[in-house]
Amino acid sequence: MRHQKRVAKLGRTASHKKALLMNLSAALIQHGKIKTTDAKAKELRRVIERLITYGKKGTVHHRRLAFKVLHDRTLVKTLFDHIAPQFADRNGGYTRIVKLGFRDNDRAAVSLIEFVDYKHPGETKKASKPAKKELPQKVEAKDIKKKPAEKESDKSAPAEIAAEQTESAPIKDEIQEEVKPDVENTDTENASEEPPAE
């Protein structure tokens, strides 16, 4: 007798339901959380928690059982290497379902299903990107505040240029003094070679 064995059929044949749960499981492992209907989320919870238990056991046999559901070796590797070790101390309840309300077009109840206390490998990269985008905006805001100060520095700029010119003036005089003795020496040499014409 099949007492207490009732599961949601989701309006699909057995093969269609199996394919649906395979795709939902793959998406959840890949992204860490997905949005779907309440009925699908509740059925997905049964499948994904069994897969995480396989991952915690970590044997070749359990990898094969997980592959039987997921049909993707990279997802099985992610499940066993990244997801399952984070739940080593937890004895079940690896996922949570958060109700989000109702969909607009058909008023179906929608939920978010996600792993509990799970850090997805891609989350750190995503978090760093917005931080880089915010930095230029903050710099631009500071530049706007400093524009009146830049006008004051523009007033002092001619004084700085004049100071630089006065500092460079003695250098030019020294260069001219060094050149003048050479010119005088050549004049005296020419004068000594040619007798004065009288």
Protein backbone atom coordinates (compact mmCIF):
# COMPACT_ATOMS: atom_id res chain seq x y z
CA MET A 1 0.00 0.00 0.00
CA ARG A 2 1.21 3.53 -0.83
CA HIS A 3 -0.04 5.35 2.22
CA GLN A 4 1.50 8.81 2.83
CA LYS A 5 3.34 8.71 -0.53
CA ARG A 6 1.50 11.53 -2.25
CA VAL A 7 3.67 14.01 -4.17
CA ALA A 8 2.77 16.94 -6.39
CA LYS A 9 2.43 15.94 -10.03
CA LEU A 10 2.81 19.55 -11.23
CA GLY A 11 0.44 18.88 -14.14
CA ARG A 12 3.09 16.92 -16.04
CA THR A 13 3.86 13.36 -16.99
CA ALA A 14 6.48 11.51 -14.96
CA SER A 15 9.24 12.03 -17.53
CA HIS A 16 8.41 15.73 -17.94
CA LYS A 17 8.40 16.24 -14.17
CA LYS A 18 11.77 14.45 -13.88
CA ALA A 19 13.29 16.71 -16.57
CA LEU A 20 11.84 19.80 -14.89
CA LEU A 21 13.32 18.91 -11.50
CA MET A 22 16.67 18.11 -13.14
CA ASN A 23 16.76 21.58 -14.74
CA LEU A 24 15.67 23.35 -11.56
CA SER A 25 18.30 21.45 -9.53
CA ALA A 26 21.00 22.39 -12.04
CA ALA A 27 19.96 26.06 -11.94
CA LEU A 28 19.95 26.11 -8.13
CA ILE A 29 23.42 24.56 -7.91
CA GLN A 30 24.74 26.93 -10.54
CA HIS A 31 23.27 30.18 -9.18
CA GLY A 32 22.71 29.49 -5.47
CA LYS A 33 19.10 30.73 -5.58
CA ILE A 34 16.26 30.74 -8.07
CA LYS A 35 12.74 32.16 -8.32
CA THR A 36 9.95 29.73 -9.21
CA THR A 37 6.40 28.83 -8.20
CA ASP A 38 5.66 27.55 -4.69
CA ALA A 39 4.71 24.04 -5.84
CA LYS A 40 7.89 23.66 -7.91
CA ALA A 41 10.04 25.02 -5.06
CA LYS A 42 8.57 22.52 -2.60
CA GLU A 43 9.22 19.61 -4.99
CA LEU A 44 12.71 20.91 -5.76
CA ARG A 45 13.52 21.00 -2.05
CA ARG A 46 13.01 17.21 -1.82
CA VAL A 47 15.41 16.58 -4.70
CA ILE A 48 18.15 19.10 -3.85
CA GLU A 49 18.39 18.14 -0.18
CA ARG A 50 18.90 14.52 -1.17
CA LEU A 51 21.67 15.63 -3.55
CA ILE A 52 23.42 17.60 -0.80
CA THR A 53 23.29 14.56 1.45
CA TYR A 54 24.97 12.59 -1.34
CA GLY A 55 27.60 15.33 -1.55
CA LYS A 56 28.29 15.14 2.19
CA LYS A 57 28.91 11.38 1.93
CA GLY A 58 31.33 12.02 -0.93
CA THR A 59 31.83 8.47 -2.24
CA VAL A 60 32.05 7.47 -5.89
CA HIS A 61 28.72 5.68 -5.56
CA HIS A 62 27.04 8.88 -4.34
CA ARG A 63 28.65 10.87 -7.16
CA ARG A 64 27.05 8.46 -9.60
CA LEU A 65 23.68 8.82 -7.90
CA ALA A 66 23.97 12.63 -8.14
CA PHE A 67 24.99 12.38 -11.80
CA LYS A 68 21.90 10.25 -12.41
CA VAL A 69 19.78 13.27 -11.41
CA LEU A 70 21.90 16.17 -12.76
CA HIS A 71 23.37 14.70 -15.99
CA ASP A 72 26.31 17.16 -15.81
CA ARG A 73 29.77 16.41 -14.41
CA THR A 74 30.68 20.03 -13.70
CA LEU A 75 27.54 20.47 -11.60
CA VAL A 76 28.30 17.26 -9.69
CA LYS A 77 31.83 18.55 -9.05
CA THR A 78 30.46 21.90 -7.82
CA LEU A 79 27.97 20.10 -5.59
CA PHE A 80 30.58 17.82 -4.01
CA ASP A 81 33.49 20.30 -3.82
CA HIS A 82 31.83 23.64 -2.98
CA ILE A 83 28.27 23.24 -1.75
CA ALA A 84 28.25 20.04 0.36
CA PRO A 85 31.34 20.93 2.49
CA GLN A 86 29.60 24.12 3.65
CA PHE A 87 26.81 22.01 5.14
CA ALA A 88 29.07 19.51 6.94
CA ASP A 89 27.78 20.59 10.39
CA ARG A 90 24.11 20.82 9.35
CA ASN A 91 21.87 17.75 9.58
CA GLY A 92 19.27 18.74 7.02
CA GLY A 93 17.30 21.84 6.13
CA TYR A 94 19.86 23.00 3.57
CA THR A 95 17.41 25.22 1.68
CA ARG A 96 14.89 27.91 2.51
CA ILE A 97 11.79 28.97 0.63
CA VAL A 98 10.81 32.64 0.82
CA LYS A 99 7.37 33.56 -0.51
CA LEU A 100 7.46 36.55 -2.86
CA GLY A 101 3.76 37.04 -3.59
CA PHE A 102 1.88 36.41 -6.81
CA ARG A 103 2.85 36.59 -10.46
CA ASP A 104 1.08 39.32 -12.45
CA ASN A 105 -0.08 37.41 -15.51
CA ASP A 106 -1.56 34.22 -13.98
CA ARG A 107 -1.55 35.10 -10.24
CA ALA A 108 0.55 32.01 -9.42
CA ALA A 109 2.24 32.06 -6.02
CA VAL A 110 5.98 32.73 -6.54
CA SER A 111 8.81 31.83 -4.17
CA LEU A 112 12.56 32.20 -3.90
CA ILE A 113 14.42 29.00 -3.04
CA GLU A 114 18.02 29.35 -1.88
CA PHE A 115 20.69 27.57 0.11
CA VAL A 116 20.92 28.44 3.81
CA ASP A 117 24.18 30.15 4.91
CA TYR A 118 25.83 29.41 1.59
CA LYS A 119 28.50 31.57 -0.03
CA HIS A 120 28.37 31.14 -3.78
CA PRO A 121 31.80 31.20 -5.50
CA GLY A 122 30.62 33.96 -7.90
CA GLU A 123 29.28 36.29 -5.17
CA THR A 124 32.66 37.83 -4.32
CA LYS A 125 33.24 38.81 -7.93
CA LYS A 126 29.79 40.36 -8.20
CA ALA A 127 30.28 42.28 -5.00
CA SER A 128 33.58 43.76 -6.14
CA LYS A 129 32.20 45.11 -9.44
CA PRO A 130 29.71 47.62 -7.97
CA ALA A 131 32.41 48.89 -5.60
CA LYS A 132 34.59 49.78 -8.60
CA LYS A 133 31.68 51.60 -10.26
CA GLU A 134 30.96 53.64 -7.12
CA LEU A 135 34.52 54.97 -6.78
CA PRO A 136 34.49 57.21 -9.87
CA GLN A 137 31.12 58.66 -8.86
CA LYS A 138 32.50 59.64 -5.43
CA VAL A 139 35.59 61.17 -7.04
CA GLU A 140 33.43 63.22 -9.39
CA ALA A 141 31.43 64.52 -6.43
CA LYS A 142 34.65 65.60 -4.71
CA ASP A 143 35.86 67.31 -7.88
CA ILE A 144 32.65 69.34 -8.04
CA LYS A 145 33.20 70.56 -4.48
CA LYS A 146 36.82 71.49 -5.22
CA LYS A 147 36.10 73.66 -8.28
CA PRO A 148 36.01 76.93 -6.27
CA ALA A 149 39.34 76.00 -4.73
CA GLU A 150 40.79 75.38 -8.17
CA LYS A 151 39.84 78.95 -9.17
CA GLU A 152 41.91 80.27 -6.27
CA SER A 153 44.84 78.17 -7.41
CA ASP A 154 44.41 79.63 -10.91
CA LYS A 155 44.91 83.12 -9.42
CA SER A 156 48.11 82.01 -7.76
CA ALA A 157 49.28 80.26 -10.93
CA PRO A 158 50.68 83.46 -12.61
CA ALA A 159 52.68 84.19 -9.45
CA GLU A 160 54.13 80.69 -9.56
CA ILE A 161 55.01 81.08 -13.24
CA ALA A 162 56.68 84.42 -12.53
CA ALA A 163 58.66 82.87 -9.69
CA GLU A 164 59.82 80.09 -12.00
CA GLN A 165 60.89 82.64 -14.61
CA THR A 166 62.91 84.63 -12.06
CA GLU A 167 64.55 81.43 -10.88
CA SER A 168 65.45 80.49 -14.45
CA ALA A 169 66.81 83.99 -15.23
CA PRO A 170 70.12 83.55 -13.31
CA ILE A 171 70.64 80.28 -15.12
CA LYS A 172 70.31 82.06 -18.47
CA ASP A 173 72.83 84.73 -17.33
CA GLU A 174 75.32 82.03 -16.36
CA ILE A 175 74.93 80.40 -19.76
CA GLN A 176 75.52 83.72 -21.51
CA GLU A 177 78.60 84.43 -19.35
CA GLU A 178 80.03 81.06 -20.30
CA VAL A 179 79.42 81.79 -23.98
CA LYS A 180 80.85 85.35 -23.90
CA PRO A 181 84.39 84.40 -22.85
CA ASP A 182 84.57 81.95 -25.74
CA VAL A 183 83.56 84.66 -28.18
CA GLU A 184 86.14 87.10 -26.76
CA ASN A 185 88.88 84.48 -27.02
CA THR A 186 88.15 83.90 -30.69
CA ASP A 187 88.22 87.67 -31.31
CA THR A 188 91.59 88.05 -29.61
CA GLU A 189 93.05 85.14 -31.52
CA ASN A 190 91.89 86.64 -34.79
CA ALA A 191 93.22 90.00 -33.76
CA SER A 192 96.64 88.62 -32.91
CA GLU A 193 96.96 86.79 -36.22
CA GLU A 194 96.08 89.76 -38.40
CA PRO A 195 98.20 92.86 -38.10
CA PRO A 196 96.29 96.00 -37.55
CA ALA A 197 95.68 97.84 -40.78
CA GLU A 198 96.75 101.49 -40.57
